[in-house]
Amino acid sequence: MSFQMSVEVERKFICNAETLKTLEEIGAACVGQCQFQDQYFDSPSFDLTLRDLWLRKRKGCWELKCPATEETSGEQSKAAALCTRYKEITNLPDIQLRVKEVLKDVCEDMTKCPTPGNDSWLSKFNLVCFAEFTTVRRSFLLEEEGVQIDLDQADFGYHVGEIEVLVPEEGDVQSALEKIERTAQKLGLTGDQRVEGKMSVYLKRNNPEHYTKLLNKQIL
């Protein structure tokens, strides 16, 4: 059985001392604070991430983020360029099937997928942890737009905000982009360059070789 995937449409922004005040002024409700550890996995030759596939373990649960492409034109192309769009697979057997599909040319004995329930499949697929960090997140909800705003503080000293809308896989991504653009305007965000995410900054500081390869592929 395959589970319904969702598409995460997200725009990152630099948050500062004024951000909390602005969130309060526009009526965003704080919905909590949490702390979580992320571990990211790939083959030694980066076969997943060089295809823009991000295998992550968070709070004991596996996720695979895959790029979702949508055609945009006119004014919306500018808003779309500032956002990322990823499908999120959270069902472990589906994740393993997708990983197997990508790695079948580089791994031995890929005739069967491993049994879910433990992490032995990582060694079978020759996957190793290439990034690990902890984030403290404060989340806000702008109910009228159906938009979540997260303020993240990573343990390697990087602060970043995210405006996020989740839509069903076949849902209206264009509407999500419009909601994010309206929210960005309410937050007073300016600039037309994408803001770096936590992973970009982490790799730039800790694994510049991996970072450069992703940059050359125009993934980061």
C-alpha atoms as a PDB file:
ATOM      1  CA  MET A   1       0.000   0.000   0.000  1.00  0.00           C
ATOM      2  CA  SER A   2       1.335   3.426  -0.966  1.00  0.00           C
ATOM      3  CA  PHE A   3       0.569   6.383   1.243  1.00  0.00           C
ATOM      4  CA  GLN A   4      -0.559   9.751  -0.055  1.00  0.00           C
ATOM      5  CA  MET A   5       2.404  12.083  -0.363  1.00  0.00           C
ATOM      6  CA  SER A   6       2.273  15.769   0.342  1.00  0.00           C
ATOM      7  CA  VAL A   7       4.242  18.580  -1.280  1.00  0.00           C
ATOM      8  CA  GLU A   8       6.058  20.968   1.042  1.00  0.00           C
ATOM      9  CA  VAL A   9       6.203  24.459  -0.474  1.00  0.00           C
ATOM     10  CA  GLU A  10       8.587  26.621   1.518  1.00  0.00           C
ATOM     11  CA  ARG A  11      10.344  29.972   1.466  1.00  0.00           C
ATOM     12  CA  LYS A  12      13.246  30.637   3.817  1.00  0.00           C
ATOM     13  CA  PHE A  13      14.044  34.048   5.236  1.00  0.00           C
ATOM     14  CA  ILE A  14      16.533  35.684   7.566  1.00  0.00           C
ATOM     15  CA  CYS A  15      14.933  36.286  10.952  1.00  0.00           C
ATOM     16  CA  ASN A  16      16.087  38.942  13.371  1.00  0.00           C
ATOM     17  CA  ALA A  17      15.110  40.650  16.619  1.00  0.00           C
ATOM     18  CA  GLU A  18      12.097  42.284  14.966  1.00  0.00           C
ATOM     19  CA  THR A  19      10.628  39.068  13.575  1.00  0.00           C
ATOM     20  CA  LEU A  20       8.751  38.048  16.745  1.00  0.00           C
ATOM     21  CA  LYS A  21       7.225  41.514  17.040  1.00  0.00           C
ATOM     22  CA  THR A  22       6.122  41.448  13.404  1.00  0.00           C
ATOM     23  CA  LEU A  23       4.578  37.982  13.797  1.00  0.00           C
ATOM     24  CA  GLU A  24       2.531  39.281  16.724  1.00  0.00           C
ATOM     25  CA  GLU A  25       1.444  42.359  14.761  1.00  0.00           C
ATOM     26  CA  ILE A  26       0.159  40.331  11.800  1.00  0.00           C
ATOM     27  CA  GLY A  27      -1.799  38.003  14.094  1.00  0.00           C
ATOM     28  CA  ALA A  28       0.319  34.854  13.867  1.00  0.00           C
ATOM     29  CA  ALA A  29      -0.393  32.534  16.806  1.00  0.00           C
ATOM     30  CA  CYS A  30       2.487  30.711  18.490  1.00  0.00           C
ATOM     31  CA  VAL A  31       1.673  26.993  18.377  1.00  0.00           C
ATOM     32  CA  GLY A  32       4.654  25.725  20.314  1.00  0.00           C
ATOM     33  CA  GLN A  33       8.372  25.185  20.611  1.00  0.00           C
ATOM     34  CA  CYS A  34      10.261  21.943  20.136  1.00  0.00           C
ATOM     35  CA  GLN A  35      13.759  20.575  19.773  1.00  0.00           C
ATOM     36  CA  PHE A  36      14.722  17.811  17.371  1.00  0.00           C
ATOM     37  CA  GLN A  37      17.785  16.119  15.949  1.00  0.00           C
ATOM     38  CA  ASP A  38      18.178  15.501  12.225  1.00  0.00           C
ATOM     39  CA  GLN A  39      20.410  12.831  10.721  1.00  0.00           C
ATOM     40  CA  TYR A  40      20.885  12.784   6.945  1.00  0.00           C
ATOM     41  CA  PHE A  41      22.091   9.719   5.051  1.00  0.00           C
ATOM     42  CA  ASP A  42      23.644   9.102   1.643  1.00  0.00           C
ATOM     43  CA  SER A  43      26.077   6.798  -0.114  1.00  0.00           C
ATOM     44  CA  PRO A  44      29.795   7.695   0.086  1.00  0.00           C
ATOM     45  CA  SER A  45      29.567   9.038  -3.485  1.00  0.00           C
ATOM     46  CA  PHE A  46      26.442  11.112  -2.702  1.00  0.00           C
ATOM     47  CA  ASP A  47      24.194   9.238  -5.135  1.00  0.00           C
ATOM     48  CA  LEU A  48      21.011  10.469  -3.421  1.00  0.00           C
ATOM     49  CA  THR A  49      21.746  14.130  -2.734  1.00  0.00           C
ATOM     50  CA  LEU A  50      23.273  14.676  -6.181  1.00  0.00           C
ATOM     51  CA  ARG A  51      19.800  13.739  -7.458  1.00  0.00           C
ATOM     52  CA  ASP A  52      18.241  16.171  -4.956  1.00  0.00           C
ATOM     53  CA  LEU A  53      16.938  13.323  -2.784  1.00  0.00           C
ATOM     54  CA  TRP A  54      17.234  13.902   0.969  1.00  0.00           C
ATOM     55  CA  LEU A  55      16.952  10.912   3.302  1.00  0.00           C
ATOM     56  CA  ARG A  56      16.402  12.078   6.867  1.00  0.00           C
ATOM     57  CA  LYS A  57      15.708  10.591  10.264  1.00  0.00           C
ATOM     58  CA  ARG A  58      13.910  12.936  12.662  1.00  0.00           C
ATOM     59  CA  LYS A  59      12.330  12.008  15.997  1.00  0.00           C
ATOM     60  CA  GLY A  60      12.803   8.326  15.150  1.00  0.00           C
ATOM     61  CA  CYS A  61      10.870   8.632  11.874  1.00  0.00           C
ATOM     62  CA  TRP A  62      12.206   8.346   8.330  1.00  0.00           C
ATOM     63  CA  GLU A  63      11.467  10.892   5.599  1.00  0.00           C
ATOM     64  CA  LEU A  64      12.591  11.131   1.992  1.00  0.00           C
ATOM     65  CA  LYS A  65      12.290  14.519   0.344  1.00  0.00           C
ATOM     66  CA  CYS A  66      12.100  14.428  -3.457  1.00  0.00           C
ATOM     67  CA  PRO A  67      11.919  17.453  -5.779  1.00  0.00           C
ATOM     68  CA  ALA A  68       8.466  18.434  -7.035  1.00  0.00           C
ATOM     69  CA  THR A  69       8.424  20.513 -10.194  1.00  0.00           C
ATOM     70  CA  GLU A  70       5.638  22.853 -11.185  1.00  0.00           C
ATOM     71  CA  GLU A  71       5.444  25.042 -14.253  1.00  0.00           C
ATOM     72  CA  THR A  72       5.081  28.730 -13.469  1.00  0.00           C
ATOM     73  CA  SER A  73       4.950  31.788 -15.662  1.00  0.00           C
ATOM     74  CA  GLY A  74       4.674  35.550 -15.478  1.00  0.00           C
ATOM     75  CA  GLU A  75       4.727  37.198 -12.096  1.00  0.00           C
ATOM     76  CA  GLN A  76       4.432  33.897 -10.253  1.00  0.00           C
ATOM     77  CA  SER A  77       7.784  32.665 -11.583  1.00  0.00           C
ATOM     78  CA  LYS A  78       9.568  35.208  -9.383  1.00  0.00           C
ATOM     79  CA  ALA A  79       7.700  34.040  -6.271  1.00  0.00           C
ATOM     80  CA  ALA A  80       8.315  30.416  -7.232  1.00  0.00           C
ATOM     81  CA  ALA A  81      12.044  31.046  -7.631  1.00  0.00           C
ATOM     82  CA  LEU A  82      12.253  32.037  -3.970  1.00  0.00           C
ATOM     83  CA  CYS A  83      10.591  28.804  -2.820  1.00  0.00           C
ATOM     84  CA  THR A  84      11.514  25.135  -2.690  1.00  0.00           C
ATOM     85  CA  ARG A  85       9.008  22.392  -3.481  1.00  0.00           C
ATOM     86  CA  TYR A  86       9.566  18.846  -2.252  1.00  0.00           C
ATOM     87  CA  LYS A  87       7.413  15.746  -2.038  1.00  0.00           C
ATOM     88  CA  GLU A  88       7.708  14.062   1.335  1.00  0.00           C
ATOM     89  CA  ILE A  89       7.625  10.252   1.518  1.00  0.00           C
ATOM     90  CA  THR A  90       7.161   9.092   5.111  1.00  0.00           C
ATOM     91  CA  ASN A  91       6.236   5.414   4.652  1.00  0.00           C
ATOM     92  CA  LEU A  92       9.429   3.389   5.209  1.00  0.00           C
ATOM     93  CA  PRO A  93       8.762   0.609   2.637  1.00  0.00           C
ATOM     94  CA  ASP A  94       8.086   3.294  -0.005  1.00  0.00           C
ATOM     95  CA  ILE A  95      11.272   5.107   1.022  1.00  0.00           C
ATOM     96  CA  GLN A  96      13.292   1.900   0.710  1.00  0.00           C
ATOM     97  CA  LEU A  97      11.840   1.155  -2.729  1.00  0.00           C
ATOM     98  CA  ARG A  98      12.744   4.632  -3.975  1.00  0.00           C
ATOM     99  CA  VAL A  99      16.259   4.437  -2.536  1.00  0.00           C
ATOM    100  CA  LYS A 100      16.737   0.979  -4.043  1.00  0.00           C
ATOM    101  CA  GLU A 101      15.622   2.330  -7.412  1.00  0.00           C
ATOM    102  CA  VAL A 102      18.265   5.063  -7.293  1.00  0.00           C
ATOM    103  CA  LEU A 103      21.088   2.920  -5.923  1.00  0.00           C
ATOM    104  CA  LYS A 104      20.550  -0.283  -7.911  1.00  0.00           C
ATOM    105  CA  ASP A 105      23.397   0.572 -10.289  1.00  0.00           C
ATOM    106  CA  VAL A 106      25.905   1.250  -7.510  1.00  0.00           C
ATOM    107  CA  CYS A 107      25.084  -1.353  -4.853  1.00  0.00           C
ATOM    108  CA  GLU A 108      25.482  -5.102  -4.833  1.00  0.00           C
ATOM    109  CA  ASP A 109      22.703  -7.562  -4.020  1.00  0.00           C
ATOM    110  CA  MET A 110      19.773  -5.193  -4.443  1.00  0.00           C
ATOM    111  CA  THR A 111      17.362  -7.949  -5.435  1.00  0.00           C
ATOM    112  CA  LYS A 112      15.249  -7.544  -2.297  1.00  0.00           C
ATOM    113  CA  CYS A 113      14.351  -4.665  -0.044  1.00  0.00           C
ATOM    114  CA  PRO A 114      15.260  -5.132   3.616  1.00  0.00           C
ATOM    115  CA  THR A 115      12.626  -5.659   6.262  1.00  0.00           C
ATOM    116  CA  PRO A 116      11.370  -2.492   7.968  1.00  0.00           C
ATOM    117  CA  GLY A 117      11.705  -2.277  11.722  1.00  0.00           C
ATOM    118  CA  ASN A 118      15.392  -1.625  12.269  1.00  0.00           C
ATOM    119  CA  ASP A 119      18.151   0.331  10.599  1.00  0.00           C
ATOM    120  CA  SER A 120      20.112  -2.618   9.178  1.00  0.00           C
ATOM    121  CA  TRP A 121      18.897  -1.590   5.726  1.00  0.00           C
ATOM    122  CA  LEU A 122      21.271   1.381   5.868  1.00  0.00           C
ATOM    123  CA  SER A 123      24.351  -0.866   5.759  1.00  0.00           C
ATOM    124  CA  LYS A 124      22.759  -3.065   3.084  1.00  0.00           C
ATOM    125  CA  PHE A 125      22.348   0.016   0.916  1.00  0.00           C
ATOM    126  CA  ASN A 126      25.777   1.346   1.981  1.00  0.00           C
ATOM    127  CA  LEU A 127      24.260   4.500   3.436  1.00  0.00           C
ATOM    128  CA  VAL A 128      26.137   6.580   5.989  1.00  0.00           C
ATOM    129  CA  CYS A 129      25.265   9.642   8.033  1.00  0.00           C
ATOM    130  CA  PHE A 130      26.802  12.741   6.435  1.00  0.00           C
ATOM    131  CA  ALA A 131      25.091  15.442   8.515  1.00  0.00           C
ATOM    132  CA  GLU A 132      23.755  15.554  12.051  1.00  0.00           C
ATOM    133  CA  PHE A 133      22.529  18.575  13.964  1.00  0.00           C
ATOM    134  CA  THR A 134      19.928  19.699  16.495  1.00  0.00           C
ATOM    135  CA  THR A 135      17.378  22.460  15.938  1.00  0.00           C
ATOM    136  CA  VAL A 136      15.266  24.464  18.352  1.00  0.00           C
ATOM    137  CA  ARG A 137      12.085  25.512  16.520  1.00  0.00           C
ATOM    138  CA  ARG A 138       9.373  27.989  17.415  1.00  0.00           C
ATOM    139  CA  SER A 139       6.266  27.579  15.249  1.00  0.00           C
ATOM    140  CA  PHE A 140       3.549  30.069  14.410  1.00  0.00           C
ATOM    141  CA  LEU A 141       0.305  29.719  12.483  1.00  0.00           C
ATOM    142  CA  LEU A 142      -1.216  32.426  10.309  1.00  0.00           C
ATOM    143  CA  GLU A 143      -4.683  30.934  10.281  1.00  0.00           C
ATOM    144  CA  GLU A 144      -6.267  33.131   7.620  1.00  0.00           C
ATOM    145  CA  GLU A 145      -3.658  31.971   5.089  1.00  0.00           C
ATOM    146  CA  GLY A 146      -3.211  28.422   6.353  1.00  0.00           C
ATOM    147  CA  VAL A 147       0.501  29.120   6.558  1.00  0.00           C
ATOM    148  CA  GLN A 148       2.989  27.878   9.157  1.00  0.00           C
ATOM    149  CA  ILE A 149       5.998  30.010  10.029  1.00  0.00           C
ATOM    150  CA  ASP A 150       8.949  28.340  11.762  1.00  0.00           C
ATOM    151  CA  LEU A 151      11.870  30.112  13.392  1.00  0.00           C
ATOM    152  CA  ASP A 152      14.819  27.707  13.589  1.00  0.00           C
ATOM    153  CA  GLN A 153      18.012  27.936  15.612  1.00  0.00           C
ATOM    154  CA  ALA A 154      20.523  25.218  14.697  1.00  0.00           C
ATOM    155  CA  ASP A 155      23.191  24.074  17.122  1.00  0.00           C
ATOM    156  CA  PHE A 156      25.948  25.105  14.699  1.00  0.00           C
ATOM    157  CA  GLY A 157      24.979  28.762  15.086  1.00  0.00           C
ATOM    158  CA  TYR A 158      22.619  29.405  12.166  1.00  0.00           C
ATOM    159  CA  HIS A 159      19.221  31.076  12.490  1.00  0.00           C
ATOM    160  CA  VAL A 160      16.657  30.910   9.682  1.00  0.00           C
ATOM    161  CA  GLY A 161      12.913  31.356   9.242  1.00  0.00           C
ATOM    162  CA  GLU A 162      10.632  29.286   7.019  1.00  0.00           C
ATOM    163  CA  ILE A 163       7.201  30.055   5.594  1.00  0.00           C
ATOM    164  CA  GLU A 164       5.596  26.731   4.731  1.00  0.00           C
ATOM    165  CA  VAL A 165       2.410  25.404   3.146  1.00  0.00           C
ATOM    166  CA  LEU A 166       1.703  21.670   2.755  1.00  0.00           C
ATOM    167  CA  VAL A 167      -0.489  20.622  -0.150  1.00  0.00           C
ATOM    168  CA  PRO A 168      -1.588  17.159  -1.354  1.00  0.00           C
ATOM    169  CA  GLU A 169       0.565  15.690  -4.109  1.00  0.00           C
ATOM    170  CA  GLU A 170      -1.959  16.672  -6.777  1.00  0.00           C
ATOM    171  CA  GLY A 171      -2.972  19.847  -4.929  1.00  0.00           C
ATOM    172  CA  ASP A 172      -2.804  23.509  -5.879  1.00  0.00           C
ATOM    173  CA  VAL A 173       0.855  24.482  -5.597  1.00  0.00           C
ATOM    174  CA  GLN A 174       0.128  27.810  -7.284  1.00  0.00           C
ATOM    175  CA  SER A 175      -2.246  28.759  -4.475  1.00  0.00           C
ATOM    176  CA  ALA A 176       0.419  27.806  -1.923  1.00  0.00           C
ATOM    177  CA  LEU A 177       2.939  30.072  -3.647  1.00  0.00           C
ATOM    178  CA  GLU A 178       0.461  32.948  -3.510  1.00  0.00           C
ATOM    179  CA  LYS A 179      -0.163  32.402   0.212  1.00  0.00           C
ATOM    180  CA  ILE A 180       3.568  32.380   0.882  1.00  0.00           C
ATOM    181  CA  GLU A 181       4.058  35.564  -1.140  1.00  0.00           C
ATOM    182  CA  ARG A 182       1.298  37.375   0.768  1.00  0.00           C
ATOM    183  CA  THR A 183       2.779  36.227   4.074  1.00  0.00           C
ATOM    184  CA  ALA A 184       6.254  37.383   3.016  1.00  0.00           C
ATOM    185  CA  GLN A 185       4.838  40.816   2.241  1.00  0.00           C
ATOM    186  CA  LYS A 186       3.162  40.971   5.661  1.00  0.00           C
ATOM    187  CA  LEU A 187       6.494  40.095   7.259  1.00  0.00           C
ATOM    188  CA  GLY A 188       8.157  42.883   5.293  1.00  0.00           C
ATOM    189  CA  LEU A 189      10.543  40.547   3.502  1.00  0.00           C
ATOM    190  CA  THR A 190      12.526  42.052   0.670  1.00  0.00           C
ATOM    191  CA  GLY A 191      15.122  40.777  -1.755  1.00  0.00           C
ATOM    192  CA  ASP A 192      14.940  38.404  -4.678  1.00  0.00           C
ATOM    193  CA  GLN A 193      17.622  35.891  -3.685  1.00  0.00           C
ATOM    194  CA  ARG A 194      16.916  32.563  -2.048  1.00  0.00           C
ATOM    195  CA  VAL A 195      18.030  32.374   1.566  1.00  0.00           C
ATOM    196  CA  GLU A 196      20.295  29.458   2.444  1.00  0.00           C
ATOM    197  CA  GLY A 197      18.782  26.598   4.399  1.00  0.00           C
ATOM    198  CA  LYS A 198      20.364  24.851   7.365  1.00  0.00           C
ATOM    199  CA  MET A 199      21.785  22.068   5.199  1.00  0.00           C
ATOM    200  CA  SER A 200      23.573  24.474   2.838  1.00  0.00           C
ATOM    201  CA  VAL A 201      25.267  26.273   5.707  1.00  0.00           C
ATOM    202  CA  TYR A 202      26.091  23.029   7.531  1.00  0.00           C
ATOM    203  CA  LEU A 203      27.775  21.476   4.485  1.00  0.00           C
ATOM    204  CA  LYS A 204      29.601  24.670   3.567  1.00  0.00           C
ATOM    205  CA  ARG A 205      31.153  24.671   7.044  1.00  0.00           C
ATOM    206  CA  ASN A 206      31.632  20.940   7.608  1.00  0.00           C
ATOM    207  CA  ASN A 207      31.937  19.237   4.212  1.00  0.00           C
ATOM    208  CA  PRO A 208      32.935  21.766   1.540  1.00  0.00           C
ATOM    209  CA  GLU A 209      33.622  19.032  -1.028  1.00  0.00           C
ATOM    210  CA  HIS A 210      30.040  17.733  -0.807  1.00  0.00           C
ATOM    211  CA  TYR A 211      28.743  21.324  -0.784  1.00  0.00           C
ATOM    212  CA  THR A 212      30.691  22.210  -3.944  1.00  0.00           C
ATOM    213  CA  LYS A 213      29.395  19.154  -5.825  1.00  0.00           C
ATOM    214  CA  LEU A 214      25.789  20.079  -4.940  1.00  0.00           C
ATOM    215  CA  LEU A 215      26.441  23.690  -5.929  1.00  0.00           C
ATOM    216  CA  ASN A 216      27.848  22.619  -9.303  1.00  0.00           C
ATOM    217  CA  LYS A 217      24.704  20.541  -9.905  1.00  0.00           C
ATOM    218  CA  GLN A 218      22.616  23.615  -9.003  1.00  0.00           C
ATOM    219  CA  ILE A 219      20.916  21.659  -6.220  1.00  0.00           C
ATOM    220  CA  LEU A 220      21.945  24.113  -3.512  1.00  0.00           C
END
